N, C-alpha and C. Protein backbone atom coordinates (compact mmCIF):
# COMPACT_ATOMS: atom_id res chain seq x y z
N MET A 1 0.84 -1.19 0.00
CA MET A 1 0.00 0.00 0.00
C MET A 1 0.88 1.25 0.00
N GLN A 2 0.55 2.20 -0.82
CA GLN A 2 1.30 3.43 -0.91
C GLN A 2 1.09 4.28 0.33
N ARG A 3 2.16 4.85 0.86
CA ARG A 3 2.09 5.70 2.04
C ARG A 3 1.47 7.04 1.65
N LEU A 4 0.46 7.47 2.41
CA LEU A 4 -0.20 8.74 2.14
C LEU A 4 0.64 9.90 2.65
N LEU A 5 0.86 10.87 1.81
CA LEU A 5 1.55 12.10 2.20
C LEU A 5 0.64 13.27 1.90
N TYR A 6 0.73 14.28 2.69
CA TYR A 6 -0.13 15.44 2.56
C TYR A 6 0.68 16.60 2.01
N LEU A 7 0.46 17.76 2.44
CA LEU A 7 1.20 18.92 1.93
C LEU A 7 2.48 19.12 2.72
N LYS A 8 3.56 19.36 2.04
CA LYS A 8 4.86 19.52 2.67
C LYS A 8 4.90 20.78 3.54
N ASP A 9 5.42 20.60 4.75
CA ASP A 9 5.67 21.69 5.70
C ASP A 9 4.42 22.47 6.11
N VAL A 10 3.26 21.82 6.19
CA VAL A 10 2.06 22.53 6.66
C VAL A 10 1.49 21.97 7.96
N SER A 11 1.94 20.81 8.37
CA SER A 11 1.38 20.18 9.58
C SER A 11 1.62 21.06 10.81
N THR A 12 0.60 21.13 11.65
CA THR A 12 0.70 21.92 12.88
C THR A 12 1.14 21.07 14.07
N LEU A 13 1.50 19.82 13.83
CA LEU A 13 1.93 18.91 14.89
C LEU A 13 3.15 19.46 15.61
N ALA A 14 3.09 19.49 16.95
CA ALA A 14 4.22 19.95 17.76
C ALA A 14 4.36 19.02 18.97
N LEU A 15 5.59 18.84 19.42
CA LEU A 15 5.90 17.96 20.54
C LEU A 15 6.76 18.70 21.55
N ASP A 16 6.35 18.66 22.82
CA ASP A 16 7.14 19.22 23.92
C ASP A 16 7.88 18.05 24.57
N HIS A 17 9.17 17.89 24.24
CA HIS A 17 9.96 16.76 24.72
C HIS A 17 10.04 16.73 26.25
N HIS A 18 9.98 17.88 26.89
CA HIS A 18 10.08 17.94 28.35
C HIS A 18 8.86 17.32 29.03
N ARG A 19 7.71 17.38 28.39
CA ARG A 19 6.49 16.80 28.97
C ARG A 19 6.36 15.31 28.70
N CYS A 20 6.98 14.83 27.63
CA CYS A 20 6.84 13.43 27.22
C CYS A 20 7.47 12.49 28.25
N ASN A 21 6.71 11.44 28.59
CA ASN A 21 7.25 10.43 29.51
C ASN A 21 7.59 9.13 28.79
N GLY A 22 7.46 9.12 27.46
CA GLY A 22 7.85 7.96 26.67
C GLY A 22 6.91 6.77 26.76
N CYS A 23 5.65 7.00 27.12
CA CYS A 23 4.69 5.89 27.30
C CYS A 23 4.37 5.17 26.00
N GLY A 24 4.47 5.86 24.85
CA GLY A 24 4.23 5.25 23.56
C GLY A 24 2.79 5.23 23.09
N THR A 25 1.89 5.82 23.87
CA THR A 25 0.48 5.84 23.46
C THR A 25 0.31 6.52 22.11
N CYS A 26 1.04 7.58 21.87
CA CYS A 26 0.93 8.32 20.62
C CYS A 26 1.27 7.44 19.41
N LEU A 27 2.24 6.56 19.56
CA LEU A 27 2.60 5.65 18.48
C LEU A 27 1.48 4.67 18.19
N LYS A 28 0.81 4.22 19.23
CA LYS A 28 -0.27 3.24 19.06
C LYS A 28 -1.48 3.83 18.36
N VAL A 29 -1.78 5.11 18.59
CA VAL A 29 -3.00 5.70 18.03
C VAL A 29 -2.79 6.43 16.71
N CYS A 30 -1.56 6.70 16.34
CA CYS A 30 -1.29 7.43 15.09
C CYS A 30 -1.48 6.50 13.88
N PRO A 31 -2.42 6.83 12.99
CA PRO A 31 -2.67 5.97 11.83
C PRO A 31 -1.61 6.09 10.74
N GLN A 32 -0.71 7.05 10.85
CA GLN A 32 0.28 7.29 9.80
C GLN A 32 1.72 7.00 10.24
N ALA A 33 1.93 6.49 11.45
CA ALA A 33 3.27 6.20 11.96
C ALA A 33 4.18 7.43 11.89
N VAL A 34 3.64 8.56 12.30
CA VAL A 34 4.37 9.83 12.25
C VAL A 34 5.41 9.92 13.37
N LEU A 35 5.13 9.25 14.48
CA LEU A 35 5.97 9.36 15.67
C LEU A 35 6.79 8.11 15.91
N SER A 36 7.89 8.27 16.65
CA SER A 36 8.70 7.12 17.06
C SER A 36 9.27 7.43 18.44
N ILE A 37 9.85 6.43 19.08
CA ILE A 37 10.49 6.61 20.37
C ILE A 37 12.00 6.59 20.17
N VAL A 38 12.67 7.62 20.64
CA VAL A 38 14.13 7.72 20.59
C VAL A 38 14.59 8.13 21.98
N ASP A 39 15.51 7.38 22.53
CA ASP A 39 16.03 7.67 23.88
C ASP A 39 14.91 7.82 24.90
N LYS A 40 13.94 6.91 24.83
CA LYS A 40 12.82 6.82 25.77
C LYS A 40 11.88 8.03 25.75
N LYS A 41 11.86 8.74 24.64
CA LYS A 41 10.95 9.88 24.45
C LYS A 41 10.38 9.83 23.04
N ALA A 42 9.17 10.33 22.89
CA ALA A 42 8.59 10.41 21.55
C ALA A 42 9.34 11.45 20.73
N THR A 43 9.36 11.23 19.44
CA THR A 43 9.93 12.18 18.50
C THR A 43 9.09 12.17 17.23
N ILE A 44 9.06 13.27 16.54
CA ILE A 44 8.32 13.35 15.28
C ILE A 44 9.24 12.83 14.18
N ALA A 45 8.90 11.66 13.65
CA ALA A 45 9.74 11.00 12.66
C ALA A 45 9.42 11.44 11.23
N ASP A 46 8.15 11.75 10.96
CA ASP A 46 7.74 12.09 9.59
C ASP A 46 6.57 13.08 9.65
N LYS A 47 6.87 14.32 9.94
CA LYS A 47 5.85 15.34 10.13
C LYS A 47 4.97 15.54 8.90
N ASP A 48 5.54 15.40 7.72
CA ASP A 48 4.76 15.60 6.49
C ASP A 48 3.73 14.50 6.25
N ALA A 49 3.85 13.38 6.95
CA ALA A 49 2.85 12.31 6.83
C ALA A 49 1.68 12.52 7.78
N CYS A 50 1.76 13.51 8.65
CA CYS A 50 0.70 13.77 9.63
C CYS A 50 -0.54 14.29 8.92
N MET A 51 -1.67 13.60 9.16
CA MET A 51 -2.93 14.04 8.58
C MET A 51 -3.75 14.88 9.56
N GLU A 52 -3.15 15.20 10.68
CA GLU A 52 -3.73 16.08 11.70
C GLU A 52 -5.08 15.60 12.21
N CYS A 53 -5.18 14.30 12.43
CA CYS A 53 -6.42 13.75 12.97
C CYS A 53 -6.59 14.10 14.45
N GLY A 54 -5.48 14.35 15.14
CA GLY A 54 -5.53 14.75 16.55
C GLY A 54 -5.50 13.60 17.54
N ALA A 55 -5.44 12.36 17.05
CA ALA A 55 -5.46 11.20 17.96
C ALA A 55 -4.30 11.24 18.95
N CYS A 56 -3.13 11.62 18.52
CA CYS A 56 -1.98 11.64 19.42
C CYS A 56 -2.17 12.65 20.55
N ALA A 57 -2.61 13.85 20.21
CA ALA A 57 -2.79 14.91 21.21
C ALA A 57 -3.92 14.58 22.18
N ILE A 58 -5.01 14.04 21.65
CA ILE A 58 -6.16 13.70 22.50
C ILE A 58 -5.79 12.62 23.51
N ASN A 59 -4.96 11.67 23.11
CA ASN A 59 -4.62 10.54 23.96
C ASN A 59 -3.36 10.73 24.79
N CYS A 60 -2.67 11.84 24.65
CA CYS A 60 -1.45 12.10 25.43
C CYS A 60 -1.82 12.68 26.79
N LYS A 61 -1.69 11.85 27.83
CA LYS A 61 -2.02 12.29 29.18
C LYS A 61 -1.05 13.34 29.70
N GLN A 62 0.13 13.41 29.11
CA GLN A 62 1.14 14.38 29.53
C GLN A 62 0.98 15.73 28.82
N GLU A 63 0.06 15.79 27.86
CA GLU A 63 -0.16 16.98 27.03
C GLU A 63 1.14 17.43 26.35
N ALA A 64 1.91 16.44 25.90
CA ALA A 64 3.18 16.74 25.24
C ALA A 64 3.00 17.03 23.75
N LEU A 65 1.88 16.61 23.20
CA LEU A 65 1.62 16.81 21.77
C LEU A 65 0.49 17.79 21.55
N SER A 66 0.62 18.58 20.51
CA SER A 66 -0.46 19.49 20.12
C SER A 66 -0.57 19.49 18.60
N VAL A 67 -1.79 19.68 18.12
CA VAL A 67 -2.05 19.73 16.69
C VAL A 67 -3.40 20.39 16.48
N ARG A 68 -3.51 21.17 15.44
CA ARG A 68 -4.81 21.75 15.06
C ARG A 68 -5.48 20.74 14.15
N SER A 69 -6.35 19.95 14.71
CA SER A 69 -6.97 18.84 13.99
C SER A 69 -7.65 19.29 12.70
N GLY A 70 -7.41 18.51 11.65
CA GLY A 70 -8.11 18.70 10.39
C GLY A 70 -7.45 19.60 9.37
N VAL A 71 -6.50 20.40 9.76
CA VAL A 71 -5.93 21.37 8.82
C VAL A 71 -5.26 20.68 7.64
N GLY A 72 -4.40 19.71 7.88
CA GLY A 72 -3.68 19.04 6.79
C GLY A 72 -4.61 18.26 5.89
N CYS A 73 -5.56 17.56 6.47
CA CYS A 73 -6.50 16.77 5.69
C CYS A 73 -7.37 17.69 4.83
N ALA A 74 -7.81 18.78 5.40
CA ALA A 74 -8.63 19.74 4.64
C ALA A 74 -7.85 20.30 3.46
N ASN A 75 -6.59 20.61 3.67
CA ASN A 75 -5.76 21.10 2.58
C ASN A 75 -5.62 20.06 1.48
N ALA A 76 -5.50 18.79 1.86
CA ALA A 76 -5.39 17.72 0.88
C ALA A 76 -6.66 17.61 0.04
N ILE A 77 -7.80 17.75 0.69
CA ILE A 77 -9.08 17.69 -0.03
C ILE A 77 -9.21 18.85 -1.01
N ILE A 78 -8.83 20.04 -0.58
CA ILE A 78 -8.89 21.23 -1.45
C ILE A 78 -7.98 21.04 -2.65
N ASN A 79 -6.75 20.58 -2.42
CA ASN A 79 -5.83 20.37 -3.54
C ASN A 79 -6.35 19.29 -4.48
N GLY A 80 -7.00 18.27 -3.93
CA GLY A 80 -7.60 17.25 -4.79
C GLY A 80 -8.70 17.82 -5.65
N ALA A 81 -9.50 18.72 -5.08
CA ALA A 81 -10.60 19.36 -5.84
C ALA A 81 -10.04 20.26 -6.95
N LEU A 82 -8.83 20.78 -6.73
CA LEU A 82 -8.19 21.65 -7.73
C LEU A 82 -7.36 20.84 -8.72
N ASN A 83 -7.51 19.50 -8.66
CA ASN A 83 -6.78 18.59 -9.55
C ASN A 83 -5.27 18.67 -9.38
N ARG A 84 -4.82 18.97 -8.19
CA ARG A 84 -3.39 18.89 -7.88
C ARG A 84 -3.17 17.53 -7.27
N ASP A 85 -1.92 17.07 -7.26
CA ASP A 85 -1.60 15.80 -6.63
C ASP A 85 -1.93 15.91 -5.15
N SER A 86 -2.75 15.00 -4.67
CA SER A 86 -3.17 15.02 -3.29
C SER A 86 -3.70 13.66 -2.89
N ALA A 87 -3.57 13.35 -1.62
CA ALA A 87 -4.13 12.10 -1.10
C ALA A 87 -4.74 12.38 0.25
N CYS A 88 -5.90 11.84 0.47
CA CYS A 88 -6.56 11.99 1.75
C CYS A 88 -7.39 10.76 2.03
N CYS A 89 -7.38 10.30 3.26
CA CYS A 89 -8.11 9.08 3.58
C CYS A 89 -9.54 9.39 4.03
N CYS A 90 -9.95 10.64 4.02
CA CYS A 90 -11.28 11.01 4.47
C CYS A 90 -12.30 10.54 3.48
């Protein structure tokens, strides 16, 4: 299956490494494998693959992740409507 990518450098995903306790919940809920664990802390491995669903931020009890849900996916839909290369799972 081809990996879905959205618009380059538009994702609002942010991670506060100081708040992260390395529990790995964000990895389990992310449908795009955007995050990984490095040195017992989450890290953003592929920010451009983030579809901004918000699952990571909603499920992070440490509030280490933030994202404006829907922005990247909405942009992908708009670009698709304009016949530009775009992919969205919505």
